[in-house]
Amino acid sequence: MAKSADAFRTISEAAEEVGAPQHVLRFWETKFDFVTPVKRAGGRRFYRPQDIAVLKAVKRLLHDDGLTIRGVQRLHKEQGLKKLIGAEAAALIDDGDVTISAATSDVTRAETSNLHQVLADLEQAKARLDAVLSR
């Protein structure tokens, strides 16, 4: 079963979709501050549809248009992310910031709920420890 268009992609899925090896995607993260996949515990990267659009634009600029890394950095600095990725993907970007999709929002809500539960459990454990230690 194929993933939905809004689903997050692993680095291997992103590399396949962009047409660049995984190590190149990781390298681009170090050179372009606007390449920012979501990182989970353990450093696993997950790429949103917006990230894929940005990576495709970077690949196009570097490989098809012949720009250097510094040239892409300069283009981003002078014209912004919307100009960098082109009109077809500009709808994914809001004023230079990546828009949070509904899928991202759902993940964030679920993670927040889980974190609140973990915090409540920790507070209960602390209260029990405090009670034992104060005896």
C-alpha atoms as a PDB file:
ATOM      1  CA  MET A   1       0.000   0.000   0.000  1.00  0.00           C
ATOM      2  CA  ALA A   2       1.420   3.377  -1.020  1.00  0.00           C
ATOM      3  CA  LYS A   3       1.771   6.230   1.447  1.00  0.00           C
ATOM      4  CA  SER A   4      -0.497   9.229   1.196  1.00  0.00           C
ATOM      5  CA  ALA A   5       0.879  12.443  -0.264  1.00  0.00           C
ATOM      6  CA  ASP A   6       0.957  14.030   3.214  1.00  0.00           C
ATOM      7  CA  ALA A   7       2.819  11.152   4.872  1.00  0.00           C
ATOM      8  CA  PHE A   8       6.303  11.607   6.241  1.00  0.00           C
ATOM      9  CA  ARG A   9       9.091   9.834   4.344  1.00  0.00           C
ATOM     10  CA  THR A  10      12.130   8.045   5.748  1.00  0.00           C
ATOM     11  CA  ILE A  11      15.516   9.069   4.418  1.00  0.00           C
ATOM     12  CA  SER A  12      15.588   6.086   2.068  1.00  0.00           C
ATOM     13  CA  GLU A  13      12.147   6.966   0.676  1.00  0.00           C
ATOM     14  CA  ALA A  14      13.132  10.632   0.361  1.00  0.00           C
ATOM     15  CA  ALA A  15      16.387   9.740  -1.386  1.00  0.00           C
ATOM     16  CA  GLU A  16      14.500   7.599  -3.881  1.00  0.00           C
ATOM     17  CA  GLU A  17      11.887  10.281  -4.529  1.00  0.00           C
ATOM     18  CA  VAL A  18      14.478  13.047  -4.929  1.00  0.00           C
ATOM     19  CA  GLY A  19      16.872  10.903  -6.951  1.00  0.00           C
ATOM     20  CA  ALA A  20      19.911  11.479  -4.744  1.00  0.00           C
ATOM     21  CA  PRO A  21      21.718   9.101  -2.359  1.00  0.00           C
ATOM     22  CA  GLN A  22      21.005   9.257   1.380  1.00  0.00           C
ATOM     23  CA  HIS A  23      24.475  10.525   2.216  1.00  0.00           C
ATOM     24  CA  VAL A  24      23.921  13.453  -0.166  1.00  0.00           C
ATOM     25  CA  LEU A  25      20.701  14.425   1.642  1.00  0.00           C
ATOM     26  CA  ARG A  26      22.575  14.361   4.954  1.00  0.00           C
ATOM     27  CA  PHE A  27      25.369  16.457   3.406  1.00  0.00           C
ATOM     28  CA  TRP A  28      22.875  19.014   2.103  1.00  0.00           C
ATOM     29  CA  GLU A  29      21.558  19.398   5.660  1.00  0.00           C
ATOM     30  CA  THR A  30      25.010  20.601   6.707  1.00  0.00           C
ATOM     31  CA  LYS A  31      25.287  23.075   3.828  1.00  0.00           C
ATOM     32  CA  PHE A  32      21.759  24.469   3.595  1.00  0.00           C
ATOM     33  CA  ASP A  33      20.062  25.671   6.785  1.00  0.00           C
ATOM     34  CA  PHE A  34      16.686  25.498   5.047  1.00  0.00           C
ATOM     35  CA  VAL A  35      16.946  21.708   4.627  1.00  0.00           C
ATOM     36  CA  THR A  36      15.443  20.644   7.951  1.00  0.00           C
ATOM     37  CA  PRO A  37      13.777  17.257   8.204  1.00  0.00           C
ATOM     38  CA  VAL A  38      12.029  16.278  11.417  1.00  0.00           C
ATOM     39  CA  LYS A  39      14.410  14.335  13.650  1.00  0.00           C
ATOM     40  CA  ARG A  40      13.075  11.787  16.087  1.00  0.00           C
ATOM     41  CA  ALA A  41      14.768  10.107  19.026  1.00  0.00           C
ATOM     42  CA  GLY A  42      17.976   8.455  17.939  1.00  0.00           C
ATOM     43  CA  GLY A  43      18.411  10.951  15.099  1.00  0.00           C
ATOM     44  CA  ARG A  44      16.044   9.271  12.622  1.00  0.00           C
ATOM     45  CA  ARG A  45      15.036  11.696   9.925  1.00  0.00           C
ATOM     46  CA  PHE A  46      11.523  12.045   8.571  1.00  0.00           C
ATOM     47  CA  TYR A  47      10.861  14.217   5.550  1.00  0.00           C
ATOM     48  CA  ARG A  48       7.610  16.144   5.112  1.00  0.00           C
ATOM     49  CA  PRO A  49       6.213  16.871   1.630  1.00  0.00           C
ATOM     50  CA  GLN A  50       7.645  20.390   1.985  1.00  0.00           C
ATOM     51  CA  ASP A  51      11.097  18.936   2.667  1.00  0.00           C
ATOM     52  CA  ILE A  52      10.875  16.764  -0.451  1.00  0.00           C
ATOM     53  CA  ALA A  53       9.968  19.828  -2.544  1.00  0.00           C
ATOM     54  CA  VAL A  54      12.961  21.725  -1.155  1.00  0.00           C
ATOM     55  CA  LEU A  55      15.312  18.784  -1.780  1.00  0.00           C
ATOM     56  CA  LYS A  56      14.084  18.419  -5.361  1.00  0.00           C
ATOM     57  CA  ALA A  57      14.688  22.137  -5.900  1.00  0.00           C
ATOM     58  CA  VAL A  58      18.201  21.891  -4.466  1.00  0.00           C
ATOM     59  CA  LYS A  59      18.968  18.930  -6.709  1.00  0.00           C
ATOM     60  CA  ARG A  60      17.609  20.784  -9.738  1.00  0.00           C
ATOM     61  CA  LEU A  61      19.658  23.881  -8.959  1.00  0.00           C
ATOM     62  CA  LEU A  62      22.859  21.946  -8.329  1.00  0.00           C
ATOM     63  CA  HIS A  63      22.627  19.268 -11.014  1.00  0.00           C
ATOM     64  CA  ASP A  64      20.439  20.701 -13.779  1.00  0.00           C
ATOM     65  CA  ASP A  65      21.073  24.444 -13.491  1.00  0.00           C
ATOM     66  CA  GLY A  66      24.768  24.047 -12.619  1.00  0.00           C
ATOM     67  CA  LEU A  67      24.808  26.240  -9.519  1.00  0.00           C
ATOM     68  CA  THR A  68      27.414  25.671  -6.833  1.00  0.00           C
ATOM     69  CA  ILE A  69      26.562  25.128  -3.178  1.00  0.00           C
ATOM     70  CA  ARG A  70      27.545  28.712  -2.499  1.00  0.00           C
ATOM     71  CA  GLY A  71      25.370  29.817  -5.420  1.00  0.00           C
ATOM     72  CA  VAL A  72      22.316  28.058  -3.964  1.00  0.00           C
ATOM     73  CA  GLN A  73      23.078  29.578  -0.546  1.00  0.00           C
ATOM     74  CA  ARG A  74      23.322  33.037  -2.104  1.00  0.00           C
ATOM     75  CA  LEU A  75      20.113  32.529  -4.086  1.00  0.00           C
ATOM     76  CA  HIS A  76      18.292  31.527  -0.891  1.00  0.00           C
ATOM     77  CA  LYS A  77      19.681  34.513   0.994  1.00  0.00           C
ATOM     78  CA  GLU A  78      18.776  36.989  -1.752  1.00  0.00           C
ATOM     79  CA  GLN A  79      15.429  35.638  -2.956  1.00  0.00           C
ATOM     80  CA  GLY A  80      14.082  33.394  -0.200  1.00  0.00           C
ATOM     81  CA  LEU A  81      12.804  29.870  -0.116  1.00  0.00           C
ATOM     82  CA  LYS A  82       9.721  30.456  -2.294  1.00  0.00           C
ATOM     83  CA  LYS A  83      11.849  31.638  -5.216  1.00  0.00           C
ATOM     84  CA  LEU A  84      14.321  28.837  -4.625  1.00  0.00           C
ATOM     85  CA  ILE A  85      11.814  26.017  -4.919  1.00  0.00           C
ATOM     86  CA  GLY A  86       9.777  27.547  -7.724  1.00  0.00           C
ATOM     87  CA  ALA A  87       6.127  28.333  -8.231  1.00  0.00           C
ATOM     88  CA  GLU A  88       4.932  24.721  -8.355  1.00  0.00           C
ATOM     89  CA  ALA A  89       5.902  24.031  -4.744  1.00  0.00           C
ATOM     90  CA  ALA A  90       5.639  27.552  -3.297  1.00  0.00           C
ATOM     91  CA  ALA A  91       2.174  26.772  -1.925  1.00  0.00           C
ATOM     92  CA  LEU A  92       3.853  24.460   0.583  1.00  0.00           C
ATOM     93  CA  ILE A  93       5.862  27.353   2.040  1.00  0.00           C
ATOM     94  CA  ASP A  94       4.425  30.188   4.138  1.00  0.00           C
ATOM     95  CA  ASP A  95       6.608  33.330   4.371  1.00  0.00           C
ATOM     96  CA  GLY A  96       9.841  31.403   4.403  1.00  0.00           C
ATOM     97  CA  ASP A  97       8.665  28.986   7.085  1.00  0.00           C
ATOM     98  CA  VAL A  98       7.490  25.500   6.350  1.00  0.00           C
ATOM     99  CA  THR A  99       3.748  25.123   6.834  1.00  0.00           C
ATOM    100  CA  ILE A 100       2.666  22.504   9.340  1.00  0.00           C
ATOM    101  CA  SER A 101       0.399  20.092   7.525  1.00  0.00           C
ATOM    102  CA  ALA A 102      -2.579  18.343   9.079  1.00  0.00           C
ATOM    103  CA  ALA A 103      -0.516  15.171   9.377  1.00  0.00           C
ATOM    104  CA  THR A 104       2.212  17.032  11.248  1.00  0.00           C
ATOM    105  CA  SER A 105      -0.406  18.588  13.499  1.00  0.00           C
ATOM    106  CA  ASP A 106      -1.861  15.165  14.328  1.00  0.00           C
ATOM    107  CA  VAL A 107       1.576  13.762  15.119  1.00  0.00           C
ATOM    108  CA  THR A 108       2.343  16.771  17.286  1.00  0.00           C
ATOM    109  CA  ARG A 109      -0.935  16.384  19.191  1.00  0.00           C
ATOM    110  CA  ALA A 110      -0.316  12.674  19.752  1.00  0.00           C
ATOM    111  CA  GLU A 111       3.254  13.289  20.890  1.00  0.00           C
ATOM    112  CA  THR A 112       2.124  16.101  23.201  1.00  0.00           C
ATOM    113  CA  SER A 113      -0.524  13.866  24.738  1.00  0.00           C
ATOM    114  CA  ASN A 114       2.056  11.124  25.291  1.00  0.00           C
ATOM    115  CA  LEU A 115       4.516  13.591  26.813  1.00  0.00           C
ATOM    116  CA  HIS A 116       1.853  14.902  29.202  1.00  0.00           C
ATOM    117  CA  GLN A 117       1.148  11.337  30.320  1.00  0.00           C
ATOM    118  CA  VAL A 118       4.860  10.641  30.852  1.00  0.00           C
ATOM    119  CA  LEU A 119       5.182  13.883  32.822  1.00  0.00           C
ATOM    120  CA  ALA A 120       2.217  12.940  35.025  1.00  0.00           C
ATOM    121  CA  ASP A 121       3.741   9.491  35.648  1.00  0.00           C
ATOM    122  CA  LEU A 122       7.087  11.059  36.561  1.00  0.00           C
ATOM    123  CA  GLU A 123       5.441  13.526  38.929  1.00  0.00           C
ATOM    124  CA  GLN A 124       3.616  10.664  40.668  1.00  0.00           C
ATOM    125  CA  ALA A 125       6.869   8.697  40.975  1.00  0.00           C
ATOM    126  CA  LYS A 126       8.623  11.767  42.385  1.00  0.00           C
ATOM    127  CA  ALA A 127       5.858  12.256  44.949  1.00  0.00           C
ATOM    128  CA  ARG A 128       6.193   8.617  46.043  1.00  0.00           C
ATOM    129  CA  LEU A 129       9.991   8.936  46.302  1.00  0.00           C
ATOM    130  CA  ASP A 130       9.676  12.170  48.273  1.00  0.00           C
ATOM    131  CA  ALA A 131       7.268  10.438  50.662  1.00  0.00           C
ATOM    132  CA  VAL A 132       9.688   7.529  51.180  1.00  0.00           C
ATOM    133  CA  LEU A 133      12.713   9.800  51.620  1.00  0.00           C
ATOM    134  CA  SER A 134      10.987  12.128  54.088  1.00  0.00           C
ATOM    135  CA  ARG A 135      10.258   9.306  56.547  1.00  0.00           C
END
